[in-house]
Amino acid sequence: MGTDISSIFGGVSSSTNSSFSLSDYASIKDKVDEATGKKTSSTSDNSAISSKTTANTDKVDQEVKELKSKRDSLKQKINSEYSTERRREYEKELKQVEKELAVKDTEQYRRQNTIFS
């Protein structure tokens, strides 16, 4: 093909001690693709394809809000209940709600249940 390698790499040093950034690699790859005919121009076609991705955690936020509300309601019921049996039922339900809240009110749960659109 007769392409001079030094013209492809321009001012990039070929010593093993130099470090390249991601943009350096992309630039070098573009130059190699142009020289070998794999790429016809230096402008990318990616600019024509534009997409916007959004992450939505509203569903998780709503679940956590409802659980916190339920927890607060159960605490009030426990404090105002005179019957020992009913109080134990509320306390048992409160423990379940707190366990569920401990799982759902975390960054890991939010990431796993994020809806991307």
C-alpha atoms as a PDB file:
ATOM      1  CA  MET A   1       0.000   0.000   0.000  1.00  0.00           C
ATOM      2  CA  GLY A   2       2.923   2.295   0.535  1.00  0.00           C
ATOM      3  CA  THR A   3       1.510   4.158   3.586  1.00  0.00           C
ATOM      4  CA  ASP A   4       4.150   5.643   5.845  1.00  0.00           C
ATOM      5  CA  ILE A   5       3.433   4.512   9.420  1.00  0.00           C
ATOM      6  CA  SER A   6       4.916   7.664  10.916  1.00  0.00           C
ATOM      7  CA  SER A   7       2.359   9.723   8.989  1.00  0.00           C
ATOM      8  CA  ILE A   8      -0.470   7.622  10.433  1.00  0.00           C
ATOM      9  CA  PHE A   9       0.637   7.997  14.030  1.00  0.00           C
ATOM     10  CA  GLY A  10       1.702  11.609  13.684  1.00  0.00           C
ATOM     11  CA  GLY A  11       3.374  12.835  16.835  1.00  0.00           C
ATOM     12  CA  VAL A  12       2.538   9.733  18.886  1.00  0.00           C
ATOM     13  CA  SER A  13       5.669   8.157  20.333  1.00  0.00           C
ATOM     14  CA  SER A  14       6.182   4.463  19.786  1.00  0.00           C
ATOM     15  CA  SER A  15       8.181   3.894  22.981  1.00  0.00           C
ATOM     16  CA  THR A  16       6.841   1.342  25.437  1.00  0.00           C
ATOM     17  CA  ASN A  17       6.969   3.811  28.327  1.00  0.00           C
ATOM     18  CA  SER A  18       4.359   6.160  26.888  1.00  0.00           C
ATOM     19  CA  SER A  19       0.780   5.926  28.062  1.00  0.00           C
ATOM     20  CA  PHE A  20      -2.195   6.394  25.785  1.00  0.00           C
ATOM     21  CA  SER A  21      -5.575   7.706  26.698  1.00  0.00           C
ATOM     22  CA  LEU A  22      -8.781   6.346  25.238  1.00  0.00           C
ATOM     23  CA  SER A  23      -8.989   9.306  22.880  1.00  0.00           C
ATOM     24  CA  ASP A  24      -5.425   8.573  21.691  1.00  0.00           C
ATOM     25  CA  TYR A  25      -6.416   5.031  20.818  1.00  0.00           C
ATOM     26  CA  ALA A  26      -9.553   6.238  19.042  1.00  0.00           C
ATOM     27  CA  SER A  27      -7.548   8.786  17.087  1.00  0.00           C
ATOM     28  CA  ILE A  28      -4.957   6.186  16.094  1.00  0.00           C
ATOM     29  CA  LYS A  29      -7.671   3.709  15.102  1.00  0.00           C
ATOM     30  CA  ASP A  30      -9.365   6.367  12.954  1.00  0.00           C
ATOM     31  CA  LYS A  31      -6.085   7.143  11.223  1.00  0.00           C
ATOM     32  CA  VAL A  32      -5.368   3.451  10.599  1.00  0.00           C
ATOM     33  CA  ASP A  33      -8.891   2.889   9.272  1.00  0.00           C
ATOM     34  CA  GLU A  34      -8.519   5.853   6.922  1.00  0.00           C
ATOM     35  CA  ALA A  35      -5.143   4.632   5.699  1.00  0.00           C
ATOM     36  CA  THR A  36      -6.396   1.104   5.085  1.00  0.00           C
ATOM     37  CA  GLY A  37      -9.597   2.244   3.417  1.00  0.00           C
ATOM     38  CA  LYS A  38     -11.934   0.977   6.139  1.00  0.00           C
ATOM     39  CA  LYS A  39     -13.082   4.488   6.904  1.00  0.00           C
ATOM     40  CA  THR A  40     -13.799   6.981   4.165  1.00  0.00           C
ATOM     41  CA  SER A  41     -13.860  10.225   6.114  1.00  0.00           C
ATOM     42  CA  SER A  42     -12.731  11.554   9.443  1.00  0.00           C
ATOM     43  CA  THR A  43     -16.254  12.535  10.470  1.00  0.00           C
ATOM     44  CA  SER A  44     -18.237   9.963  12.348  1.00  0.00           C
ATOM     45  CA  ASP A  45     -21.722   8.810  11.390  1.00  0.00           C
ATOM     46  CA  ASN A  46     -22.594   8.589  15.082  1.00  0.00           C
ATOM     47  CA  SER A  47     -23.605  12.243  15.064  1.00  0.00           C
ATOM     48  CA  ALA A  48     -26.595  11.351  12.869  1.00  0.00           C
ATOM     49  CA  ILE A  49     -27.750   8.746  15.375  1.00  0.00           C
ATOM     50  CA  SER A  50     -28.709  10.478  18.581  1.00  0.00           C
ATOM     51  CA  SER A  51     -30.486   8.814  21.462  1.00  0.00           C
ATOM     52  CA  LYS A  52     -31.389   9.889  24.937  1.00  0.00           C
ATOM     53  CA  THR A  53     -31.573   7.370  27.749  1.00  0.00           C
ATOM     54  CA  THR A  54     -33.275   8.178  31.019  1.00  0.00           C
ATOM     55  CA  ALA A  55     -33.211   6.234  34.251  1.00  0.00           C
ATOM     56  CA  ASN A  56     -36.460   6.182  36.199  1.00  0.00           C
ATOM     57  CA  THR A  57     -36.629   5.120  39.864  1.00  0.00           C
ATOM     58  CA  ASP A  58     -40.110   6.495  40.528  1.00  0.00           C
ATOM     59  CA  LYS A  59     -41.606   3.034  41.095  1.00  0.00           C
ATOM     60  CA  VAL A  60     -38.990   2.171  43.728  1.00  0.00           C
ATOM     61  CA  ASP A  61     -39.366   5.587  45.346  1.00  0.00           C
ATOM     62  CA  GLN A  62     -43.128   5.058  45.560  1.00  0.00           C
ATOM     63  CA  GLU A  63     -42.688   1.584  47.103  1.00  0.00           C
ATOM     64  CA  VAL A  64     -40.319   2.972  49.733  1.00  0.00           C
ATOM     65  CA  LYS A  65     -42.654   5.887  50.479  1.00  0.00           C
ATOM     66  CA  GLU A  66     -45.601   3.505  50.967  1.00  0.00           C
ATOM     67  CA  LEU A  67     -43.563   1.223  53.235  1.00  0.00           C
ATOM     68  CA  LYS A  68     -42.423   4.157  55.376  1.00  0.00           C
ATOM     69  CA  SER A  69     -46.002   5.354  55.649  1.00  0.00           C
ATOM     70  CA  LYS A  70     -47.160   1.880  56.629  1.00  0.00           C
ATOM     71  CA  ARG A  71     -44.350   1.637  59.190  1.00  0.00           C
ATOM     72  CA  ASP A  72     -45.347   4.960  60.760  1.00  0.00           C
ATOM     73  CA  SER A  73     -48.993   3.922  60.827  1.00  0.00           C
ATOM     74  CA  LEU A  74     -48.153   0.630  62.537  1.00  0.00           C
ATOM     75  CA  LYS A  75     -46.047   2.428  65.143  1.00  0.00           C
ATOM     76  CA  GLN A  76     -48.988   4.681  65.933  1.00  0.00           C
ATOM     77  CA  LYS A  77     -51.314   1.670  66.192  1.00  0.00           C
ATOM     78  CA  ILE A  78     -48.886  -0.082  68.527  1.00  0.00           C
ATOM     79  CA  ASN A  79     -48.634   2.980  70.773  1.00  0.00           C
ATOM     80  CA  SER A  80     -52.393   3.460  70.935  1.00  0.00           C
ATOM     81  CA  GLU A  81     -53.460  -0.210  71.239  1.00  0.00           C
ATOM     82  CA  TYR A  82     -54.460  -1.512  74.671  1.00  0.00           C
ATOM     83  CA  SER A  83     -54.956  -5.134  73.705  1.00  0.00           C
ATOM     84  CA  THR A  84     -51.756  -7.134  74.105  1.00  0.00           C
ATOM     85  CA  GLU A  85     -52.713  -9.599  71.378  1.00  0.00           C
ATOM     86  CA  ARG A  86     -53.460  -6.882  68.817  1.00  0.00           C
ATOM     87  CA  ARG A  87     -50.254  -5.136  69.816  1.00  0.00           C
ATOM     88  CA  ARG A  88     -48.239  -8.293  69.104  1.00  0.00           C
ATOM     89  CA  GLU A  89     -49.892  -8.612  65.694  1.00  0.00           C
ATOM     90  CA  TYR A  90     -48.965  -5.033  64.863  1.00  0.00           C
ATOM     91  CA  GLU A  91     -45.403  -5.565  66.110  1.00  0.00           C
ATOM     92  CA  LYS A  92     -45.085  -8.696  63.972  1.00  0.00           C
ATOM     93  CA  GLU A  93     -46.357  -6.801  60.927  1.00  0.00           C
ATOM     94  CA  LEU A  94     -44.039  -3.896  61.767  1.00  0.00           C
ATOM     95  CA  LYS A  95     -41.006  -6.228  61.776  1.00  0.00           C
ATOM     96  CA  GLN A  96     -41.999  -7.539  58.327  1.00  0.00           C
ATOM     97  CA  VAL A  97     -42.411  -4.017  56.966  1.00  0.00           C
ATOM     98  CA  GLU A  98     -39.050  -2.950  58.425  1.00  0.00           C
ATOM     99  CA  LYS A  99     -37.319  -5.977  56.848  1.00  0.00           C
ATOM    100  CA  GLU A 100     -38.852  -5.177  53.469  1.00  0.00           C
ATOM    101  CA  LEU A 101     -37.912  -1.531  53.872  1.00  0.00           C
ATOM    102  CA  ALA A 102     -34.325  -2.465  54.738  1.00  0.00           C
ATOM    103  CA  VAL A 103     -34.095  -4.366  51.431  1.00  0.00           C
ATOM    104  CA  LYS A 104     -35.876  -1.856  49.226  1.00  0.00           C
ATOM    105  CA  ASP A 105     -34.420   1.385  50.609  1.00  0.00           C
ATOM    106  CA  THR A 106     -30.916   0.680  49.270  1.00  0.00           C
ATOM    107  CA  GLU A 107     -28.917   1.864  46.276  1.00  0.00           C
ATOM    108  CA  GLN A 108     -28.456  -1.725  45.113  1.00  0.00           C
ATOM    109  CA  TYR A 109     -32.237  -2.306  44.981  1.00  0.00           C
ATOM    110  CA  ARG A 110     -32.712   1.018  43.189  1.00  0.00           C
ATOM    111  CA  ARG A 111     -30.109   0.110  40.562  1.00  0.00           C
ATOM    112  CA  GLN A 112     -31.603  -3.332  40.017  1.00  0.00           C
ATOM    113  CA  ASN A 113     -35.127  -1.957  39.595  1.00  0.00           C
ATOM    114  CA  THR A 114     -34.373   1.153  37.587  1.00  0.00           C
ATOM    115  CA  ILE A 115     -36.375   1.427  34.382  1.00  0.00           C
ATOM    116  CA  PHE A 116     -34.357   2.707  31.422  1.00  0.00           C
ATOM    117  CA  SER A 117     -36.137   4.247  28.485  1.00  0.00           C
END
